[in-house]
């Protein structure tokens, strides 16, 4: 039997196939990392938005979470920290490892550090009081 390739194709396939499989695994892991990063970013925004609503009814707007204001008042910081700790187990491959909350009179920042990167995921949410915004809008319309 006269063979045209004499076994070279088998050796080359044995070297190329693991390389191709490795590239597929890298693509899948990158997709999972980006998915977890997007989910963490969305969760940070939602936590910031909820924390920005904490005012315990001051200025006729705000919320008292679960009616626990009299017994054990939740602060926005403790609310966000508790949720960040609970969500660390929600992301299977690249979970959050660190979390921080900052607040000033106009904004809320929620930032988390994800496993696998040193870049923090930071969301800045502006505090808005809808009652005040509506009143200011009506007052400006009355002046016209």
C-alpha atoms as a PDB file:
ATOM      1  CA  UNK A   1       0.000   0.000   0.000  1.00  0.00           C
ATOM      2  CA  UNK A   2       1.344   3.334  -1.023  1.00  0.00           C
ATOM      3  CA  UNK A   3       0.134   6.082   1.360  1.00  0.00           C
ATOM      4  CA  UNK A   4       0.172   9.665   0.322  1.00  0.00           C
ATOM      5  CA  UNK A   5       0.560  11.318   3.774  1.00  0.00           C
ATOM      6  CA  UNK A   6       2.451   8.670   5.770  1.00  0.00           C
ATOM      7  CA  UNK A   7       0.952   9.621   9.183  1.00  0.00           C
ATOM      8  CA  UNK A   8       1.810  13.316   9.247  1.00  0.00           C
ATOM      9  CA  UNK A   9      -1.850  14.328   9.211  1.00  0.00           C
ATOM     10  CA  UNK A  10      -2.540  12.348  12.412  1.00  0.00           C
ATOM     11  CA  UNK A  11       0.302  14.059  14.268  1.00  0.00           C
ATOM     12  CA  UNK A  12      -0.756  17.507  13.122  1.00  0.00           C
ATOM     13  CA  UNK A  13      -4.375  16.810  14.115  1.00  0.00           C
ATOM     14  CA  UNK A  14      -3.208  15.663  17.551  1.00  0.00           C
ATOM     15  CA  UNK A  15      -1.507  19.040  18.020  1.00  0.00           C
ATOM     16  CA  UNK A  16      -4.209  21.262  16.495  1.00  0.00           C
ATOM     17  CA  UNK A  17      -7.330  19.749  18.098  1.00  0.00           C
ATOM     18  CA  UNK A  18      -6.290  20.467  21.736  1.00  0.00           C
ATOM     19  CA  UNK A  19      -5.444  24.024  20.673  1.00  0.00           C
ATOM     20  CA  UNK A  20      -8.889  24.489  19.145  1.00  0.00           C
ATOM     21  CA  UNK A  21     -10.597  23.034  22.233  1.00  0.00           C
ATOM     22  CA  UNK A  22      -8.533  25.327  24.463  1.00  0.00           C
ATOM     23  CA  UNK A  23      -9.652  28.350  22.418  1.00  0.00           C
ATOM     24  CA  UNK A  24     -13.290  27.292  22.807  1.00  0.00           C
ATOM     25  CA  UNK A  25     -12.852  27.040  26.582  1.00  0.00           C
ATOM     26  CA  UNK A  26     -11.248  30.508  26.697  1.00  0.00           C
ATOM     27  CA  UNK A  27     -14.160  31.974  24.722  1.00  0.00           C
ATOM     28  CA  UNK A  28     -16.722  30.344  27.028  1.00  0.00           C
ATOM     29  CA  UNK A  29     -14.948  31.536  30.196  1.00  0.00           C
ATOM     30  CA  UNK A  30     -14.692  35.071  28.797  1.00  0.00           C
ATOM     31  CA  UNK A  31     -18.408  35.060  28.032  1.00  0.00           C
ATOM     32  CA  UNK A  32     -19.182  33.879  31.582  1.00  0.00           C
ATOM     33  CA  UNK A  33     -16.924  36.579  33.031  1.00  0.00           C
ATOM     34  CA  UNK A  34     -18.645  39.305  30.993  1.00  0.00           C
ATOM     35  CA  UNK A  35     -22.088  37.966  31.925  1.00  0.00           C
ATOM     36  CA  UNK A  36     -21.231  38.009  35.645  1.00  0.00           C
ATOM     37  CA  UNK A  37     -19.792  41.523  35.288  1.00  0.00           C
ATOM     38  CA  UNK A  38     -23.004  42.758  33.639  1.00  0.00           C
ATOM     39  CA  UNK A  39     -25.151  41.105  36.318  1.00  0.00           C
ATOM     40  CA  UNK A  40     -23.005  42.636  39.089  1.00  0.00           C
ATOM     41  CA  UNK A  41     -23.212  46.052  37.430  1.00  0.00           C
ATOM     42  CA  UNK A  42     -27.002  45.814  37.237  1.00  0.00           C
ATOM     43  CA  UNK A  43     -27.225  44.701  40.869  1.00  0.00           C
ATOM     44  CA  UNK A  44     -25.019  47.621  41.946  1.00  0.00           C
ATOM     45  CA  UNK A  45     -27.299  50.062  40.165  1.00  0.00           C
ATOM     46  CA  UNK A  46     -30.424  48.568  41.743  1.00  0.00           C
ATOM     47  CA  UNK A  47     -28.854  48.602  45.205  1.00  0.00           C
ATOM     48  CA  UNK A  48     -27.796  52.227  44.711  1.00  0.00           C
ATOM     49  CA  UNK A  49     -31.270  53.174  43.545  1.00  0.00           C
ATOM     50  CA  UNK A  50     -32.889  51.478  46.549  1.00  0.00           C
ATOM     51  CA  UNK A  51     -30.386  53.012  48.971  1.00  0.00           C
ATOM     52  CA  UNK A  52     -31.027  56.449  47.474  1.00  0.00           C
ATOM     53  CA  UNK A  53     -34.700  56.082  48.446  1.00  0.00           C
ATOM     54  CA  UNK A  54     -33.937  55.775  52.157  1.00  0.00           C
ATOM     55  CA  UNK A  55     -35.218  58.899  53.840  1.00  0.00           C
ATOM     56  CA  UNK A  56     -37.707  57.472  56.336  1.00  0.00           C
ATOM     57  CA  UNK A  57     -40.422  59.798  55.119  1.00  0.00           C
ATOM     58  CA  UNK A  58     -38.465  63.031  55.403  1.00  0.00           C
ATOM     59  CA  UNK A  59     -39.554  65.654  52.866  1.00  0.00           C
ATOM     60  CA  UNK A  60     -42.743  63.628  52.274  1.00  0.00           C
ATOM     61  CA  UNK A  61     -40.866  60.964  50.350  1.00  0.00           C
ATOM     62  CA  UNK A  62     -38.824  57.890  51.112  1.00  0.00           C
ATOM     63  CA  UNK A  63     -39.325  54.448  52.441  1.00  0.00           C
ATOM     64  CA  UNK A  64     -39.005  52.535  55.642  1.00  0.00           C
ATOM     65  CA  UNK A  65     -37.984  49.057  54.629  1.00  0.00           C
ATOM     66  CA  UNK A  66     -40.256  46.323  56.031  1.00  0.00           C
ATOM     67  CA  UNK A  67     -41.606  48.618  58.740  1.00  0.00           C
ATOM     68  CA  UNK A  68     -38.576  48.042  60.966  1.00  0.00           C
ATOM     69  CA  UNK A  69     -37.821  51.683  61.615  1.00  0.00           C
ATOM     70  CA  UNK A  70     -39.021  51.688  65.225  1.00  0.00           C
ATOM     71  CA  UNK A  71     -37.493  48.388  66.344  1.00  0.00           C
ATOM     72  CA  UNK A  72     -34.254  48.176  64.451  1.00  0.00           C
ATOM     73  CA  UNK A  73     -33.749  50.909  61.879  1.00  0.00           C
ATOM     74  CA  UNK A  74     -31.892  49.946  58.756  1.00  0.00           C
ATOM     75  CA  UNK A  75     -29.448  52.424  57.437  1.00  0.00           C
ATOM     76  CA  UNK A  76     -28.703  52.493  53.715  1.00  0.00           C
ATOM     77  CA  UNK A  77     -25.170  51.267  54.450  1.00  0.00           C
ATOM     78  CA  UNK A  78     -26.314  48.182  56.376  1.00  0.00           C
ATOM     79  CA  UNK A  79     -28.993  47.474  53.750  1.00  0.00           C
ATOM     80  CA  UNK A  80     -26.480  47.549  50.878  1.00  0.00           C
ATOM     81  CA  UNK A  81     -23.817  45.580  52.788  1.00  0.00           C
ATOM     82  CA  UNK A  82     -26.309  42.845  53.680  1.00  0.00           C
ATOM     83  CA  UNK A  83     -27.431  42.539  50.062  1.00  0.00           C
ATOM     84  CA  UNK A  84     -23.833  42.494  48.780  1.00  0.00           C
ATOM     85  CA  UNK A  85     -22.940  39.675  51.169  1.00  0.00           C
ATOM     86  CA  UNK A  86     -26.026  37.705  50.142  1.00  0.00           C
ATOM     87  CA  UNK A  87     -25.288  38.127  46.426  1.00  0.00           C
ATOM     88  CA  UNK A  88     -21.718  36.865  46.643  1.00  0.00           C
ATOM     89  CA  UNK A  89     -23.077  33.356  46.236  1.00  0.00           C
ATOM     90  CA  UNK A  90     -25.309  34.293  43.275  1.00  0.00           C
ATOM     91  CA  UNK A  91     -22.561  34.496  40.677  1.00  0.00           C
ATOM     92  CA  UNK A  92     -21.182  30.996  40.161  1.00  0.00           C
ATOM     93  CA  UNK A  93     -17.903  31.512  38.308  1.00  0.00           C
ATOM     94  CA  UNK A  94     -16.676  35.035  39.035  1.00  0.00           C
ATOM     95  CA  UNK A  95     -18.363  36.197  42.274  1.00  0.00           C
ATOM     96  CA  UNK A  96     -17.899  39.510  44.012  1.00  0.00           C
ATOM     97  CA  UNK A  97     -15.294  39.598  46.754  1.00  0.00           C
ATOM     98  CA  UNK A  98     -15.458  43.129  48.107  1.00  0.00           C
ATOM     99  CA  UNK A  99     -18.192  45.707  48.365  1.00  0.00           C
ATOM    100  CA  UNK A 100     -18.402  49.312  49.488  1.00  0.00           C
ATOM    101  CA  UNK A 101     -21.089  51.936  49.832  1.00  0.00           C
ATOM    102  CA  UNK A 102     -20.636  55.706  49.851  1.00  0.00           C
ATOM    103  CA  UNK A 103     -23.234  58.416  50.089  1.00  0.00           C
ATOM    104  CA  UNK A 104     -23.407  62.187  50.042  1.00  0.00           C
ATOM    105  CA  UNK A 105     -26.314  64.599  49.845  1.00  0.00           C
ATOM    106  CA  UNK A 106     -26.799  64.147  46.094  1.00  0.00           C
ATOM    107  CA  UNK A 107     -25.471  60.701  45.117  1.00  0.00           C
ATOM    108  CA  UNK A 108     -25.027  57.111  46.167  1.00  0.00           C
ATOM    109  CA  UNK A 109     -22.040  55.006  45.048  1.00  0.00           C
ATOM    110  CA  UNK A 110     -22.041  51.228  45.204  1.00  0.00           C
ATOM    111  CA  UNK A 111     -18.799  49.551  44.199  1.00  0.00           C
ATOM    112  CA  UNK A 112     -17.775  45.915  44.157  1.00  0.00           C
ATOM    113  CA  UNK A 113     -14.629  43.994  43.344  1.00  0.00           C
ATOM    114  CA  UNK A 114     -15.028  40.882  41.248  1.00  0.00           C
ATOM    115  CA  UNK A 115     -12.949  37.727  41.432  1.00  0.00           C
ATOM    116  CA  UNK A 116     -10.554  37.596  38.509  1.00  0.00           C
ATOM    117  CA  UNK A 117      -9.989  41.340  38.088  1.00  0.00           C
ATOM    118  CA  UNK A 118      -8.732  44.302  40.087  1.00  0.00           C
ATOM    119  CA  UNK A 119     -11.045  46.752  38.304  1.00  0.00           C
ATOM    120  CA  UNK A 120     -13.962  47.794  40.513  1.00  0.00           C
ATOM    121  CA  UNK A 121     -17.529  47.866  39.235  1.00  0.00           C
ATOM    122  CA  UNK A 122     -18.844  51.257  40.367  1.00  0.00           C
ATOM    123  CA  UNK A 123     -22.351  52.630  39.975  1.00  0.00           C
ATOM    124  CA  UNK A 124     -23.218  56.218  40.847  1.00  0.00           C
ATOM    125  CA  UNK A 125     -26.928  56.872  41.394  1.00  0.00           C
ATOM    126  CA  UNK A 126     -28.296  60.375  41.813  1.00  0.00           C
ATOM    127  CA  UNK A 127     -30.681  60.863  44.717  1.00  0.00           C
ATOM    128  CA  UNK A 128     -33.972  62.190  43.462  1.00  0.00           C
ATOM    129  CA  UNK A 129     -37.010  63.192  45.462  1.00  0.00           C
ATOM    130  CA  UNK A 130     -39.920  62.892  43.021  1.00  0.00           C
ATOM    131  CA  UNK A 131     -42.180  65.054  45.183  1.00  0.00           C
ATOM    132  CA  UNK A 132     -39.668  67.907  45.134  1.00  0.00           C
ATOM    133  CA  UNK A 133     -39.040  67.509  41.388  1.00  0.00           C
ATOM    134  CA  UNK A 134     -42.781  67.705  40.660  1.00  0.00           C
ATOM    135  CA  UNK A 135     -43.213  70.711  42.936  1.00  0.00           C
ATOM    136  CA  UNK A 136     -40.300  72.523  41.271  1.00  0.00           C
ATOM    137  CA  UNK A 137     -41.748  71.717  37.846  1.00  0.00           C
ATOM    138  CA  UNK A 138     -45.153  73.027  38.806  1.00  0.00           C
ATOM    139  CA  UNK A 139     -43.664  76.144  40.366  1.00  0.00           C
ATOM    140  CA  UNK A 140     -41.685  76.902  37.191  1.00  0.00           C
ATOM    141  CA  UNK A 141     -44.837  76.430  35.083  1.00  0.00           C
ATOM    142  CA  UNK A 142     -46.769  78.818  37.319  1.00  0.00           C
ATOM    143  CA  UNK A 143     -44.121  81.501  36.822  1.00  0.00           C
ATOM    144  CA  UNK A 144     -44.519  81.388  33.022  1.00  0.00           C
END
